[in-house]
Amino acid sequence: MQQSANATNPPSAAVEIVSRFYEAYGREDLEAMRAFMAPDIVWRIPGRHSMSGNHQGVEETIFFFQQLAKAQFKADVYALVGNDEYAVDYHRGWGSFGEHSLDILWAIVWRVRDGKIVEGIDFAFDQAAADIFYSTVYPLKPLSQRLASE
């Protein structure tokens, strides 16, 4: 497995794409982030909170990141390794909204195809804290307004 760049090894394709995605994320540039997403992207958020689930397609994935921006979420990547199809990162992610804040470690498994991100699986190192934060900051509407059909 090829790891992140050093003096003799250039970064793998997936690592390069993810690095550029994080640069756009750091600038809060949703349009630049969109350019790295495949039309059929799936962004998977484990947990038992209002933001969890499989977000299908570019629009749902961008909507997820728009919501993170409301809590001023930032990421500080500590490690990023991968090959041409997969990358894995380990990062500190933090944000706050009103009196609520979250500052924990995360890992994301990224899958890249043809220069685009096709899947992201986001793992919180403290899932209970993530569940509480997201459910508090992003409350669900009443059940009668959430169901797609009656």
Foldseek 3Di string as FASTA:
>chain_A
DFWDDDPPDHAALVLVLVVQLLVCLQVVNLVSNLVQADQFAWEAEDADADLGDIQGGSVSVSVSSVLCVQQPKHWDWPGWTDHHFKIKTKIWIKGHDVPDIDTFIKMWIWTDDPRHTRYIYIGTPPRVSVRVRRCVSPPDDPPVVPDPDD
